[in-house]
Protein backbone atom coordinates (compact mmCIF):
# COMPACT_ATOMS: atom_id res chain seq x y z
CA MET A 1 16.65 -8.12 12.89
CA THR A 2 17.08 -4.73 11.27
CA ILE A 3 15.19 -3.28 8.36
CA GLN A 4 17.37 -3.80 5.32
CA PRO A 5 16.95 -4.48 1.60
CA GLY A 6 15.89 -8.01 0.78
CA LEU A 7 13.01 -8.24 3.23
CA SER A 8 9.85 -9.41 1.51
CA ALA A 9 6.24 -10.37 1.99
CA GLN A 10 3.44 -11.93 0.01
CA ALA A 11 -0.30 -11.61 0.52
CA THR A 12 -3.35 -12.87 -1.34
CA HIS A 13 -6.56 -10.85 -1.57
CA ARG A 14 -10.00 -11.72 -2.96
CA VAL A 15 -11.55 -9.27 -5.42
CA ASP A 16 -14.92 -8.85 -3.74
CA THR A 17 -17.75 -6.50 -4.73
CA ILE A 18 -16.37 -3.49 -2.84
CA SER A 19 -13.03 -3.94 -4.68
CA LEU A 20 -14.58 -3.28 -8.11
CA ALA A 21 -14.09 -0.03 -10.03
CA ASP A 22 -17.81 0.24 -10.81
CA GLN A 23 -18.46 0.51 -7.06
CA TRP A 24 -16.28 3.64 -6.92
CA GLY A 25 -17.66 5.63 -9.85
CA GLY A 26 -15.87 3.87 -12.68
CA GLU A 27 -17.42 1.67 -15.34
CA ALA A 28 -15.14 -1.38 -15.14
CA HIS A 29 -16.55 -4.42 -13.37
CA ALA A 30 -13.00 -5.37 -12.36
CA LEU A 31 -10.43 -4.71 -9.63
CA ALA A 32 -10.17 -0.95 -9.02
CA SER A 33 -6.70 0.60 -9.15
CA PRO A 34 -7.03 2.31 -5.74
CA ILE A 35 -7.96 -1.03 -4.16
CA MET A 36 -4.96 -2.67 -5.81
CA ILE A 37 -2.82 0.06 -4.23
CA ILE A 38 -4.37 -0.68 -0.82
CA PHE A 39 -3.40 -4.34 -1.29
CA ILE A 40 0.13 -3.20 -2.18
CA GLU A 41 0.38 -0.98 0.92
CA GLN A 42 -0.80 -3.78 3.19
CA THR A 43 1.77 -6.18 1.78
CA CYS A 44 4.63 -3.70 2.09
CA MET A 45 3.68 -3.06 5.72
CA LYS A 46 3.64 -6.83 6.30
CA ALA A 47 7.26 -7.02 5.11
CA THR A 48 8.72 -4.46 7.48
CA ASP A 49 6.40 -2.74 9.97
CA HIS A 50 6.69 -5.49 12.58
CA LEU A 51 10.42 -4.64 12.82
CA LEU A 52 9.86 -0.97 13.70
CA PRO A 53 10.07 0.32 17.27
CA GLU A 54 6.68 0.09 18.98
CA ASP A 55 6.14 3.87 18.78
CA GLN A 56 6.58 3.95 14.99
CA MET A 57 4.48 3.09 11.96
CA THR A 58 4.80 3.66 8.22
CA VAL A 59 2.72 5.85 5.96
CA GLY A 60 2.48 5.81 2.18
CA TYR A 61 4.74 8.40 0.57
CA ASN A 62 5.12 7.68 -3.14
CA PHE A 63 3.47 5.38 -5.68
CA GLU A 64 4.78 4.53 -9.14
CA ILE A 65 2.30 1.79 -9.97
CA LYS A 66 1.10 0.51 -13.34
CA HIS A 67 -2.25 -1.29 -13.51
CA LEU A 68 -1.68 -3.49 -16.55
CA ALA A 69 -4.68 -5.82 -16.84
CA PRO A 70 -8.19 -6.26 -15.44
CA THR A 71 -8.98 -8.82 -12.76
CA PRO A 72 -12.58 -10.14 -12.65
CA PRO A 73 -14.74 -10.25 -9.52
CA GLU A 74 -14.24 -13.17 -7.14
CA TRP A 75 -10.73 -13.87 -8.40
CA GLU A 76 -7.72 -13.61 -6.12
CA VAL A 77 -4.67 -11.43 -6.60
CA THR A 78 -1.33 -12.13 -4.99
CA VAL A 79 0.96 -9.24 -4.12
CA ASP A 80 4.71 -9.71 -3.79
CA ALA A 81 6.68 -6.91 -2.15
CA GLU A 82 10.45 -6.73 -1.76
CA LEU A 83 12.27 -3.98 0.11
CA ILE A 84 14.89 -2.66 -2.31
CA GLU A 85 16.16 0.50 -0.59
CA VAL A 86 16.31 2.05 2.88
CA ASP A 87 17.25 5.73 3.10
CA GLY A 88 16.80 7.04 6.62
CA ARG A 89 13.08 6.84 7.35
CA MET A 90 12.20 6.04 3.71
CA MET A 91 11.68 2.44 2.62
CA THR A 92 11.23 1.63 -1.07
CA TYR A 93 9.68 -1.61 -2.30
CA ARG A 94 9.42 -3.32 -5.68
CA VAL A 95 5.92 -4.73 -6.03
CA CYS A 96 4.19 -7.14 -8.39
CA VAL A 97 0.50 -8.08 -8.43
CA ARG A 98 -0.64 -11.29 -10.16
CA ASP A 99 -3.95 -13.00 -10.76
CA ALA A 100 -4.68 -16.47 -12.19
CA VAL A 101 -3.57 -15.39 -15.68
CA GLY A 102 -0.46 -13.36 -14.88
CA VAL A 103 0.86 -9.93 -13.92
CA VAL A 104 -1.84 -7.27 -13.47
CA GLY A 105 0.18 -4.59 -11.69
CA GLU A 106 3.75 -3.65 -10.92
CA GLY A 107 5.88 -0.79 -9.77
CA ILE A 108 7.63 0.92 -6.89
CA HIS A 109 6.13 2.05 -3.58
CA THR A 110 7.88 4.15 -0.92
CA ARG A 111 6.79 4.33 2.71
CA CYS A 112 8.03 6.63 5.46
CA ALA A 113 8.54 5.59 9.09
CA VAL A 114 6.93 8.10 11.46
CA SER A 115 6.20 8.45 15.15
CA ARG A 116 2.67 7.27 15.94
CA SER A 117 2.10 10.00 18.51
CA GLY A 118 3.68 12.65 16.29
CA PHE A 119 1.46 11.64 13.38
CA HIS A 120 -1.71 11.79 15.46
CA GLN A 121 -0.67 15.12 16.97
CA ARG A 122 -0.08 16.57 13.50
CA LEU A 123 -3.45 15.24 12.36
CA ALA A 124 -5.20 16.87 15.33
CA GLU A 125 -3.39 20.17 14.66
CA ARG A 126 -4.53 20.14 11.03
CA ARG A 127 -8.08 19.40 12.10
CA ASP A 128 -7.98 22.26 14.64
CA SER A 129 -6.52 24.71 12.11
CA ALA A 130 -9.30 23.88 9.64
CA ALA A 131 -11.92 24.54 12.31
CA LEU A 132 -10.32 27.93 13.09
CA ALA A 133 -10.31 28.88 9.41
CA GLN A 134 -14.09 28.49 9.13
């Protein structure tokens, strides 16, 4: 199977204590936007990453996400992701996040396929260059 538009995945996540905005410096005792984005990333990877060559992985590239409503602690959110475009190494997904009442988030997320070894080499080079700059 090749990576092509139409691939999809769904995942359900529990909004536990660490997922709440007030645990990350905010005031809202509800699902934090960055955690919602993590849930989105995980679901997009579930849709396509298993189809990549073994030496590749995807990394987040672009996020156009709206967080539309609060989700209380201990609720579940379900993320639906559908691959809508493939352009070379770039894969773009339409995403929707729902809780028991309805849609709480939606948008577009793009991921880029990269070489695992190349990514880790680049990371090490950046770490080394920072150490030299000090």
